[in-house]
Protein backbone atom coordinates (compact mmCIF):
# COMPACT_ATOMS: atom_id res chain seq x y z
CA MET A 1 0.00 0.00 0.00
CA VAL A 2 1.20 3.51 -0.83
CA LYS A 3 1.99 5.38 2.37
CA VAL A 4 2.59 8.87 0.93
CA SER A 5 1.44 10.57 -2.26
CA VAL A 6 3.19 13.80 -3.24
CA ILE A 7 1.17 15.94 -5.66
CA VAL A 8 2.91 18.62 -7.74
CA PRO A 9 1.24 20.89 -10.34
CA VAL A 10 3.58 22.41 -12.93
CA TYR A 11 3.06 25.22 -15.39
CA ARG A 12 5.81 27.05 -17.28
CA LEU A 13 8.50 26.12 -14.77
CA GLY A 14 11.18 24.78 -17.09
CA ALA A 15 13.89 26.79 -15.37
CA MET A 16 12.92 25.54 -11.90
CA VAL A 17 11.13 22.20 -12.04
CA ASN A 18 14.38 20.20 -12.13
CA GLU A 19 15.29 21.25 -8.60
CA CYS A 20 11.83 20.39 -7.35
CA LEU A 21 11.78 16.91 -8.84
CA GLU A 22 15.39 16.16 -7.99
CA GLY A 23 14.61 17.01 -4.36
CA LEU A 24 11.75 14.52 -4.46
CA ARG A 25 13.82 11.91 -6.24
CA ALA A 26 16.41 12.15 -3.45
CA GLN A 27 13.83 11.28 -0.78
CA GLN A 28 14.70 7.93 0.81
CA THR A 29 11.83 6.37 2.74
CA PRO A 30 11.24 2.96 4.36
CA PHE A 31 7.67 3.04 3.03
CA GLU A 32 6.12 3.18 -0.43
CA THR A 33 5.91 6.66 -1.91
CA GLU A 34 4.50 7.99 -5.17
CA MET A 35 5.17 11.35 -6.83
CA LEU A 36 2.29 12.58 -9.00
CA ILE A 37 3.37 15.45 -11.25
CA ILE A 38 1.13 17.14 -13.82
CA ASP A 39 2.20 19.57 -16.55
CA ASP A 40 -0.60 21.96 -17.46
CA ALA A 41 0.27 22.26 -21.18
CA SER A 42 3.31 24.42 -20.49
CA PRO A 43 4.59 26.32 -23.55
CA ASP A 44 8.20 25.84 -22.39
CA ASP A 45 10.28 22.69 -21.82
CA SER A 46 8.73 21.78 -18.44
CA TRP A 47 7.46 18.42 -19.76
CA THR A 48 10.77 17.27 -21.24
CA ARG A 49 12.58 18.25 -18.04
CA MET A 50 10.04 16.30 -15.99
CA LEU A 51 10.57 13.23 -18.16
CA SER A 52 14.33 13.52 -17.83
CA VAL A 53 14.41 13.73 -14.04
CA ALA A 54 11.80 11.01 -13.52
CA GLU A 55 13.34 8.52 -15.92
CA GLY A 56 13.99 5.16 -14.29
CA ASP A 57 12.28 6.02 -11.00
CA ARG A 58 9.05 4.07 -10.66
CA ARG A 59 7.81 6.34 -7.88
CA PHE A 60 7.07 9.06 -10.42
CA ARG A 61 3.68 9.17 -12.15
CA LEU A 62 3.65 11.92 -14.77
CA PHE A 63 0.58 13.46 -16.41
CA ARG A 64 0.16 16.11 -19.08
CA ASN A 65 -2.86 18.17 -20.13
CA GLU A 66 -3.33 18.78 -23.85
CA THR A 67 -4.69 22.26 -23.09
CA ASN A 68 -4.16 24.56 -20.15
CA ARG A 69 -6.80 23.87 -17.48
CA GLY A 70 -5.67 25.92 -14.49
CA LEU A 71 -4.49 25.11 -10.99
CA ALA A 72 -7.85 24.11 -9.50
CA PHE A 73 -8.44 21.49 -12.21
CA ASN A 74 -4.94 20.08 -11.72
CA GLN A 75 -5.24 19.89 -7.95
CA LYS A 76 -8.51 18.02 -8.28
CA ARG A 77 -7.04 15.63 -10.83
CA LEU A 78 -4.00 14.86 -8.72
CA LEU A 79 -6.04 14.34 -5.55
CA ALA A 80 -8.32 11.94 -7.43
CA LYS A 81 -5.31 9.89 -8.56
CA ALA A 82 -3.45 9.90 -5.22
CA ARG A 83 -3.41 6.51 -3.50
CA GLY A 84 -1.50 7.37 -0.33
CA GLU A 85 -2.60 7.21 3.28
CA TYR A 86 -0.97 10.64 3.61
CA ILE A 87 -0.83 13.35 0.95
CA ALA A 88 1.88 15.98 0.63
CA TYR A 89 1.57 19.03 -1.61
CA MET A 90 4.37 20.90 -3.39
CA ASP A 91 4.49 23.70 -5.91
CA GLY A 92 6.66 22.82 -8.89
CA ASP A 93 9.15 25.61 -8.22
CA ASP A 94 9.93 24.77 -4.59
CA ILE A 95 12.54 22.44 -3.12
CA ALA A 96 12.36 19.50 -0.70
CA TYR A 97 15.31 18.81 1.57
CA PRO A 98 16.47 15.26 2.31
CA GLY A 99 14.42 13.59 5.03
CA LYS A 100 11.34 15.76 4.49
CA LEU A 101 8.86 12.99 3.72
CA GLU A 102 10.18 10.62 6.35
CA ALA A 103 10.04 13.26 9.10
CA MET A 104 6.52 14.38 8.27
CA THR A 105 5.23 10.82 7.98
CA ALA A 106 6.81 9.88 11.31
CA TYR A 107 5.06 12.85 12.91
CA LEU A 108 1.63 11.84 11.64
CA ASP A 109 2.27 8.23 12.61
CA THR A 110 3.08 9.20 16.20
CA HIS A 111 0.51 12.00 16.65
CA PRO A 112 -2.91 10.49 15.89
CA GLY A 113 -4.70 13.72 16.91
CA CYS A 114 -2.87 15.69 14.21
CA SER A 115 -4.62 15.97 10.85
CA ILE A 116 -2.26 18.35 9.05
CA VAL A 117 1.45 18.69 9.69
CA TYR A 118 3.70 21.36 8.19
CA HIS A 119 7.40 22.12 8.46
CA GLU A 120 9.40 25.32 8.53
CA ALA A 121 10.47 26.57 5.09
CA GLU A 122 13.27 28.88 4.06
CA VAL A 123 12.14 31.61 1.68
CA PHE A 124 14.77 32.48 -0.93
CA ASP A 125 15.21 34.78 -3.89
CA HIS A 126 15.34 32.95 -7.21
CA ASP A 127 17.68 35.39 -8.94
CA SER A 128 20.33 35.61 -6.23
CA GLY A 129 19.74 32.36 -4.36
CA GLN A 130 19.87 34.38 -1.14
CA ALA A 131 17.88 33.17 1.87
CA LEU A 132 15.45 35.90 2.95
CA TYR A 133 13.53 34.65 5.99
CA LEU A 134 11.73 31.67 7.48
CA TYR A 135 8.14 31.37 6.34
CA SER A 136 6.33 30.40 9.54
CA ARG A 137 8.68 31.83 12.16
CA ASP A 138 8.61 35.23 10.44
CA HIS A 139 4.94 35.22 9.44
CA TYR A 140 3.36 38.53 10.45
CA ASN A 141 0.94 36.73 12.79
CA ALA A 142 3.44 34.20 14.15
CA ARG A 143 3.02 35.40 17.74
CA TYR A 144 -0.61 34.29 17.69
CA VAL A 145 -0.06 30.81 16.24
CA PRO A 146 0.84 27.95 18.62
CA PRO A 147 2.87 24.92 17.42
CA VAL A 148 -0.32 22.87 17.78
CA ALA A 149 -3.05 24.90 16.08
CA ASN A 150 -6.49 24.19 14.61
CA VAL A 151 -8.92 25.41 11.97
CA GLU A 152 -9.82 28.51 14.02
CA HIS A 153 -6.20 29.68 13.94
CA LEU A 154 -6.23 29.33 10.15
CA VAL A 155 -9.43 31.36 9.95
CA LYS A 156 -8.28 34.14 12.28
CA TYR A 157 -4.60 34.49 11.35
CA GLY A 158 -4.28 33.50 7.72
CA CYS A 159 -1.97 31.16 5.88
CA PHE A 160 0.88 30.68 8.35
CA LEU A 161 1.90 27.39 6.74
CA ASN A 162 3.78 27.38 3.45
CA ALA A 163 1.92 25.55 0.66
CA SER A 164 4.86 23.29 -0.12
CA SER A 165 5.40 22.31 3.51
CA VAL A 166 2.10 20.50 4.09
CA MET A 167 1.14 16.84 4.57
CA PHE A 168 -2.36 15.72 5.58
CA ARG A 169 -4.28 12.55 6.20
CA ARG A 170 -6.42 11.00 3.51
CA HIS A 171 -10.17 11.43 4.06
CA ASP A 172 -13.45 10.77 2.27
CA ASN A 173 -13.95 14.35 1.09
CA LEU A 174 -10.86 14.92 -1.02
CA ASP A 175 -13.12 15.80 -3.93
CA LYS A 176 -14.43 18.79 -1.95
CA VAL A 177 -11.23 20.51 -0.75
CA VAL A 178 -10.40 22.50 -3.90
CA ASP A 179 -12.58 25.61 -3.99
CA ASP A 180 -12.56 26.66 -7.64
CA ARG A 181 -14.55 29.79 -6.78
CA CYS A 182 -11.20 31.13 -5.59
CA GLN A 183 -9.36 32.51 -8.59
CA ILE A 184 -5.85 33.02 -7.22
CA LEU A 185 -5.46 31.51 -3.75
CA LEU A 186 -6.02 27.77 -3.64
CA ASP A 187 -3.72 26.61 -0.85
CA TYR A 188 -5.43 28.59 1.92
CA PRO A 189 -8.96 27.32 1.19
CA MET A 190 -7.60 23.79 0.89
CA HIS A 191 -6.00 24.01 4.34
CA ILE A 192 -9.22 25.25 5.92
CA LEU A 193 -11.34 22.63 4.17
CA ASN A 194 -8.93 19.81 5.02
CA ALA A 195 -8.79 20.94 8.64
CA GLY A 196 -12.55 21.17 8.77
CA TYR A 197 -13.27 17.76 7.27
CA LEU A 198 -10.55 16.03 9.27
CA GLY A 199 -10.98 17.76 12.62
CA GLY A 200 -7.90 17.39 14.77
CA THR A 201 -4.92 19.70 14.93
CA VAL A 202 -2.60 21.54 12.56
CA ASP A 203 0.91 20.95 13.90
CA ARG A 204 4.27 22.53 13.11
CA ILE A 205 7.65 20.82 12.79
CA ASP A 206 10.21 23.53 13.46
CA ARG A 207 12.89 21.94 11.28
CA VAL A 208 13.62 23.57 7.92
CA LEU A 209 12.77 20.78 5.48
CA GLY A 210 12.32 22.78 2.30
CA ARG A 211 12.78 26.04 0.42
CA TYR A 212 10.10 28.37 -0.98
CA ARG A 213 11.16 30.26 -4.09
CA LEU A 214 10.27 33.92 -4.69
CA HIS A 215 10.42 35.05 -8.31
CA ALA A 216 8.62 37.43 -10.65
CA GLY A 217 6.23 34.72 -11.83
CA SER A 218 5.37 33.39 -8.38
CA SER A 219 1.99 34.11 -6.86
CA CYS A 220 3.49 36.46 -4.26
CA GLY A 221 5.49 38.28 -6.92
CA GLN A 222 2.44 38.82 -9.10
CA ASN A 223 0.24 39.90 -6.19
CA ALA A 224 2.68 42.66 -5.26
CA LYS A 225 2.60 44.15 -8.75
CA SER A 226 -1.14 44.33 -9.42
CA ASP A 227 -3.79 46.14 -7.39
CA ALA A 228 -6.57 44.19 -9.10
CA ARG A 229 -4.87 40.90 -8.30
CA ARG A 230 -4.28 41.90 -4.66
CA ILE A 231 -7.96 42.82 -4.33
CA ARG A 232 -8.95 39.47 -5.83
CA VAL A 233 -6.71 37.75 -3.26
CA VAL A 234 -8.75 39.36 -0.47
CA ASP A 235 -11.94 38.05 -2.05
CA ASP A 236 -10.41 34.55 -2.09
CA GLN A 237 -9.33 34.88 1.53
CA VAL A 238 -12.82 35.93 2.59
CA GLN A 239 -14.33 33.03 0.65
CA SER A 240 -11.91 30.65 2.36
CA VAL A 241 -12.84 31.95 5.79
CA GLU A 242 -16.56 31.72 5.08
CA ASN A 243 -16.12 28.05 4.14
CA ALA A 244 -15.31 27.31 7.78
CA ALA A 245 -18.93 27.93 8.78
CA ARG A 246 -19.92 24.48 7.53
CA PHE A 247 -17.69 22.91 10.19
CA GLY A 248 -19.28 24.72 13.10
CA VAL A 249 -16.72 27.51 13.42
CA GLU A 250 -18.47 30.31 15.30
CA PRO A 251 -19.66 33.40 13.39
CA GLY A 252 -17.52 35.64 15.60
CA VAL A 253 -14.36 33.75 14.61
CA ILE A 254 -15.28 33.99 10.94
CA ALA A 255 -15.98 37.72 11.27
CA ALA A 256 -12.58 38.16 12.94
CA GLY A 257 -10.90 36.32 10.08
CA LYS A 258 -12.58 38.47 7.44
CA ALA A 259 -11.67 41.64 9.33
CA HIS A 260 -8.06 40.49 9.61
CA HIS A 261 -7.63 39.86 5.87
CA ARG A 262 -9.22 43.18 4.93
CA PHE A 263 -7.12 45.01 7.51
CA ALA A 264 -3.98 43.38 6.12
CA ALA A 265 -4.95 44.57 2.64
CA ALA A 266 -5.54 48.09 3.98
CA LEU A 267 -2.01 48.13 5.40
CA PHE A 268 -0.60 46.80 2.13
CA PHE A 269 -2.12 49.69 0.19
CA LEU A 270 -1.22 52.19 2.91
CA LYS A 271 2.47 51.28 2.62
CA GLN A 272 2.23 51.80 -1.14
CA GLY A 273 0.79 55.27 -0.69
CA LYS A 274 -2.55 54.30 -2.25
CA ASP A 275 -4.73 56.26 0.13
CA SER A 276 -8.07 55.64 -1.56
CA LEU A 277 -7.64 51.86 -1.48
CA PHE A 278 -6.42 52.08 2.11
CA ARG A 279 -9.61 53.91 3.11
CA ASP A 280 -11.79 51.47 1.19
CA PHE A 281 -10.30 48.43 2.89
CA ILE A 282 -9.97 49.82 6.40
CA THR A 283 -13.66 50.77 6.20
CA LEU A 284 -14.60 47.33 4.93
CA ALA A 285 -12.46 45.70 7.60
CA SER A 286 -14.32 47.58 10.33
CA GLU A 287 -17.92 47.35 9.13
CA ASP A 288 -18.88 44.60 11.60
CA GLY A 289 -17.26 46.38 14.54
CA CYS A 290 -14.64 43.63 14.65
CA PHE A 291 -11.07 44.89 15.12
CA PHE A 292 -7.99 42.73 14.77
CA ASP A 293 -5.86 44.73 17.23
CA ASP A 294 -5.13 48.25 18.44
CA ARG A 295 -3.40 49.12 15.17
CA HIS A 296 -6.64 48.32 13.39
CA ARG A 297 -8.63 50.58 15.73
CA PHE A 298 -6.15 53.41 15.26
CA ALA A 299 -6.10 53.05 11.48
CA TYR A 300 -9.89 53.10 11.26
CA ALA A 301 -10.25 56.06 13.62
CA HIS A 302 -7.75 58.02 11.52
CA LYS A 303 -8.62 56.67 8.08
CA ASP A 304 -8.84 60.20 6.69
CA GLN A 305 -5.27 60.93 7.81
CA PRO A 306 -3.39 58.12 6.02
CA GLN A 307 -0.01 59.79 6.38
CA GLU A 308 -0.44 59.96 10.13
CA VAL A 309 -1.46 56.29 10.23
CA CYS A 310 1.51 55.28 8.11
CA GLU A 311 3.95 57.19 10.31
CA ARG A 312 2.41 55.74 13.47
CA LEU A 313 2.36 52.14 12.27
CA PHE A 314 5.48 52.00 10.10
CA GLY A 315 7.61 54.91 11.28
CA ALA A 316 7.55 56.55 7.87
CA VAL A 317 5.28 58.57 5.66
CA ALA A 318 4.15 56.83 2.47
């Protein structure tokens, strides 16, 4: 029986997919593992690179779409084909360190109350190779997130686990954990839905077992360059949070999560000097009378003085 399935969607990652697949190929485990990789009709040489790295390794199962279908379609397809007791997710431009799969599997084996486990990830710059920070330790809400968390922490504090650092238990609702109403963010809703269907805890392994790549084509890179895309991200975050209602998460927790994401967007636009968008989002973030923290209260009370808010919160005028 397959113990672990690793699912990896790939699109136009010819310059990066080798490192991802080589990191998976180097995984040595005492249990049966499969690597399911799908190329979404990439116009570059992603497919030929995938074939080259996977050659001769029976753990790899490669798939290719004839036309581009998008991330949600590919996630659903890979989940439907996964046979493992545990499922690990990786983006095709990230890197797994040796021992990653064995360590995460051992954790789930020895912590039956844990449904989702994630490890620390080093964020690095693609162009320079320079390490920038640690994803979970340096997450902006890290002080609120315990090592053993749950679905409410995901709702209230956002995506504190890196997409490529996650492994979760198989369950009977895998066909329902990809929310294709979300247009950009698909990892965050999947985490909330998995946590909701599985119950149990969301636990952190503090070891760095992988690297997360920042580059111009990455989701984070694109979000930073487009106001319309950043606004769409907030819509996806709110949709993700609202999904938690079906699992009995209290309305007050969901309201707090929505306020948090809108407040974070307000601060994003404030730092960019986009005062109108700052006012729009700080107003939206405060419409239910739910405030994330004292910074949120101050920003809302002084929404018509954005320069004052920026100087107070960031020590500089936008």
